[in-house]
Protein backbone atom coordinates (compact mmCIF):
# COMPACT_ATOMS: atom_id res chain seq x y z
CA MET A 1 -69.48 5.43 -9.40
CA LEU A 2 -73.00 5.17 -10.26
CA ALA A 3 -73.19 3.84 -7.27
CA ILE A 4 -71.07 5.65 -5.48
CA ALA A 5 -72.94 9.07 -6.01
CA ARG A 6 -76.14 7.14 -5.33
CA ALA A 7 -74.38 6.28 -1.66
CA ALA A 8 -73.11 9.52 -1.46
CA ILE A 9 -77.15 11.23 -1.53
CA ALA A 10 -78.80 8.81 0.06
CA ARG A 11 -76.06 9.33 3.40
CA GLU A 12 -77.28 12.53 3.91
CA PHE A 13 -81.16 11.01 4.44
CA GLY A 14 -79.38 8.87 6.67
CA ILE A 15 -79.92 5.54 4.54
CA GLU A 16 -76.30 3.74 4.61
CA THR A 17 -75.59 1.61 1.46
CA ILE A 18 -72.64 -0.46 1.53
CA VAL A 19 -70.76 0.09 -1.58
CA ASP A 20 -67.57 -1.45 -3.24
CA GLN A 21 -65.08 1.27 -3.43
CA SER A 22 -61.82 -1.02 -3.64
CA ALA A 23 -60.58 -0.68 -7.09
CA ALA A 24 -57.53 0.56 -7.14
CA TRP A 25 -58.47 3.53 -9.88
CA LEU A 26 -60.78 5.41 -8.19
CA ARG A 27 -57.93 6.19 -5.23
CA GLU A 28 -55.99 7.66 -8.77
CA PRO A 29 -56.54 12.00 -8.94
CA GLY A 30 -59.94 12.51 -11.28
CA ALA A 31 -62.49 15.08 -12.52
CA CYS A 32 -65.38 14.78 -13.24
CA PHE A 33 -69.42 15.83 -12.91
CA VAL A 34 -72.24 14.80 -11.49
CA THR A 35 -75.66 15.37 -13.35
CA LEU A 36 -78.90 14.76 -11.43
CA MET A 37 -82.23 14.22 -13.50
CA GLN A 38 -85.70 14.07 -12.65
CA HIS A 39 -88.36 12.80 -15.17
CA GLY A 40 -86.04 14.17 -17.93
CA GLU A 41 -85.28 17.20 -16.13
CA LEU A 42 -82.35 18.68 -15.09
CA ARG A 43 -82.08 18.30 -11.50
CA GLY A 44 -78.87 19.12 -10.37
CA CYS A 45 -75.10 19.12 -12.27
CA ILE A 46 -72.04 19.79 -9.93
CA GLY A 47 -68.29 19.18 -10.78
CA SER A 48 -64.95 19.46 -10.81
CA LEU A 49 -63.33 20.50 -14.26
CA GLU A 50 -59.93 20.24 -13.20
CA THR A 51 -57.94 16.95 -11.23
CA ARG A 52 -57.30 18.26 -7.50
CA ARG A 53 -58.24 14.77 -5.43
CA ALA A 54 -58.80 11.58 -5.96
CA LEU A 55 -61.59 10.57 -8.23
CA LEU A 56 -63.35 8.22 -5.09
CA ASP A 57 -63.71 11.78 -3.48
CA ASP A 58 -65.04 14.12 -6.41
CA VAL A 59 -67.37 11.76 -7.34
CA LYS A 60 -68.59 11.78 -2.97
CA ALA A 61 -68.45 15.09 -3.15
CA ASN A 62 -69.81 16.34 -6.35
CA ALA A 63 -73.06 13.89 -5.87
CA HIS A 64 -73.67 15.46 -3.23
CA ALA A 65 -73.31 19.00 -4.10
CA ALA A 66 -75.65 18.17 -7.31
CA ALA A 67 -78.03 17.26 -4.58
CA PHE A 68 -77.78 19.61 -1.91
CA ALA A 69 -75.87 22.90 -3.28
CA ASP A 70 -76.48 23.14 -6.71
CA PRO A 71 -77.75 27.11 -6.16
CA ARG A 72 -80.42 27.04 -9.62
CA PHE A 73 -82.49 24.05 -7.37
CA ALA A 74 -83.57 23.62 -4.04
CA PRO A 75 -81.84 20.72 -1.90
CA LEU A 76 -83.16 17.23 -2.42
CA GLN A 77 -85.78 16.00 -0.44
CA ARG A 78 -86.33 12.19 0.83
CA GLU A 79 -89.24 11.51 -1.11
CA GLU A 80 -86.90 12.84 -4.63
CA LEU A 81 -83.94 10.17 -4.28
CA ARG A 82 -86.22 6.91 -6.04
CA ASP A 83 -87.39 9.34 -9.15
CA LEU A 84 -83.26 10.70 -9.36
CA ASP A 85 -81.30 9.23 -12.24
CA ILE A 86 -77.98 9.91 -11.91
CA GLU A 87 -75.30 10.40 -14.53
CA VAL A 88 -71.65 10.86 -13.48
CA SER A 89 -69.39 12.43 -16.93
CA LEU A 90 -65.21 11.23 -16.19
CA LEU A 91 -63.46 14.28 -17.97
CA SER A 92 -60.30 14.38 -19.82
CA PRO A 93 -57.42 16.69 -19.04
CA LEU A 94 -58.69 20.56 -20.35
CA GLN A 95 -56.71 20.91 -24.16
CA PRO A 96 -56.74 25.17 -24.72
CA LEU A 97 -58.27 25.51 -28.25
CA ILE A 98 -55.15 28.05 -30.11
CA PHE A 99 -57.88 30.35 -32.45
CA SER A 100 -57.62 33.71 -34.30
CA SER A 101 -61.33 35.35 -34.08
CA GLU A 102 -64.09 33.76 -32.83
CA ALA A 103 -65.29 32.35 -36.19
CA ASP A 104 -62.07 30.14 -35.81
CA ALA A 105 -63.14 29.13 -33.02
CA LEU A 106 -66.47 28.12 -34.04
CA ALA A 107 -65.16 26.43 -36.89
CA GLN A 108 -63.02 23.84 -34.24
CA LEU A 109 -66.04 22.87 -32.00
CA GLN A 110 -66.63 19.48 -32.80
CA PRO A 111 -69.91 18.46 -31.61
CA ASN A 112 -71.20 16.10 -29.36
CA ILE A 113 -67.91 15.32 -29.20
CA ASP A 114 -66.51 18.53 -26.80
CA GLY A 115 -67.33 19.90 -23.75
CA VAL A 116 -66.10 23.61 -23.69
CA VAL A 117 -64.84 25.49 -21.27
CA PHE A 118 -65.33 29.61 -21.53
CA GLU A 119 -62.83 31.93 -19.57
CA TYR A 120 -62.54 35.58 -19.72
CA GLY A 121 -61.43 37.42 -16.45
CA PHE A 122 -63.51 36.33 -13.43
CA HIS A 123 -66.31 35.12 -16.04
CA ARG A 124 -66.19 31.09 -16.22
CA GLY A 125 -68.88 29.00 -17.06
CA THR A 126 -68.58 25.08 -18.62
CA PHE A 127 -71.06 22.86 -20.96
CA LEU A 128 -70.54 19.19 -21.14
CA PRO A 129 -70.76 17.83 -24.39
CA GLN A 130 -74.12 16.63 -23.50
CA VAL A 131 -75.27 19.84 -23.93
CA TRP A 132 -75.49 19.37 -27.83
CA GLU A 133 -77.99 17.88 -27.68
CA GLN A 134 -79.68 20.89 -26.91
CA LEU A 135 -78.07 23.07 -28.95
CA PRO A 136 -76.92 20.88 -31.79
CA THR A 137 -74.55 24.07 -33.89
CA PRO A 138 -71.58 25.99 -32.17
CA CYS A 139 -72.67 29.09 -33.07
CA GLU A 140 -75.99 28.32 -30.71
CA PHE A 141 -73.94 26.20 -28.24
CA LEU A 142 -71.20 28.99 -27.79
CA LYS A 143 -73.48 31.95 -27.29
CA HIS A 144 -75.63 29.73 -24.71
CA LEU A 145 -71.73 29.43 -23.25
CA LYS A 146 -70.82 33.16 -23.12
CA VAL A 147 -74.36 33.96 -20.99
CA LYS A 148 -73.60 30.74 -18.76
CA SER A 149 -70.13 32.28 -17.83
CA GLY A 150 -72.04 36.29 -17.09
CA VAL A 151 -71.13 37.67 -20.83
CA PRO A 152 -73.02 39.00 -23.53
CA VAL A 153 -74.25 36.38 -26.57
CA ASN A 154 -72.40 39.20 -28.83
CA PHE A 155 -69.18 39.64 -26.68
CA TRP A 156 -66.19 38.94 -28.22
CA SER A 157 -62.34 39.25 -27.02
CA ASP A 158 -58.75 38.44 -27.64
CA ALA A 159 -59.27 37.71 -24.12
CA ILE A 160 -61.25 34.79 -24.10
CA LYS A 161 -59.88 31.59 -23.43
CA LEU A 162 -61.80 28.28 -24.11
CA TYR A 163 -60.71 24.56 -23.62
CA ARG A 164 -61.96 21.65 -24.81
CA TYR A 165 -62.73 17.92 -23.01
CA SER A 166 -63.98 15.04 -23.58
CA VAL A 167 -65.92 12.55 -21.49
CA ARG A 168 -67.11 9.15 -20.57
CA LYS A 169 -70.03 8.83 -19.25
CA TRP A 170 -72.19 6.42 -17.50
CA LYS A 171 -76.28 6.69 -16.66
CA GLU A 172 -78.33 4.86 -14.38
CA ARG A 173 -81.00 4.67 -17.19
CA ASP A 174 -78.56 2.83 -19.42
CA PHE A 175 -77.52 0.29 -16.78
CA GLN A 176 -81.59 -0.10 -15.80
CA SER A 177 -83.02 -0.40 -19.11
CA GLN A 178 -80.41 -3.30 -19.65
CA THR A 179 -81.46 -4.96 -16.57
CA ASP A 180 -84.81 -4.85 -17.66
CA GLN A 181 -84.13 -6.68 -21.21
CA ALA A 182 -82.00 -9.73 -19.17
CA ILE A 183 -85.06 -10.31 -17.05
CA SER A 184 -87.58 -9.75 -20.15
CA ASN A 185 -85.11 -11.98 -22.08
């Protein structure tokens, strides 16, 4: 999936890369997020919370969108491609969280495991489980997720819906480290 994501981005610059896309599981429905990092900083992140297309198509579309359509960043430039570190997160299906209060919801969140979707009316946002690295407590995590979703930090309503999901993730730098280590041995 990492090679597929990189090829989808490179194609925008006229760089054609042959990538094996023949695995049957890539044709099955799937939802993923593609996160782009550059020098340790976020450079783009776009994804799908729910399965709507084949995983292959989802990876390509989200890689392209993360590079060229994330509204928080200018479109990626060709010279940035070599310094890009790509991460693909494959999402499990969303599971609704059943809670009676904000304190109850906070008590159910599993740091470093749960990705969380916040919904209130037209307000919606998500944090991947990786965000726990920057926001390690459930209270911090949920407060920042509320802000990302467009509601005040201290806002709470019985109409709020929360969903959790988990991810399997792959990072290019993890594979690069393994390759570098194998070469040095």
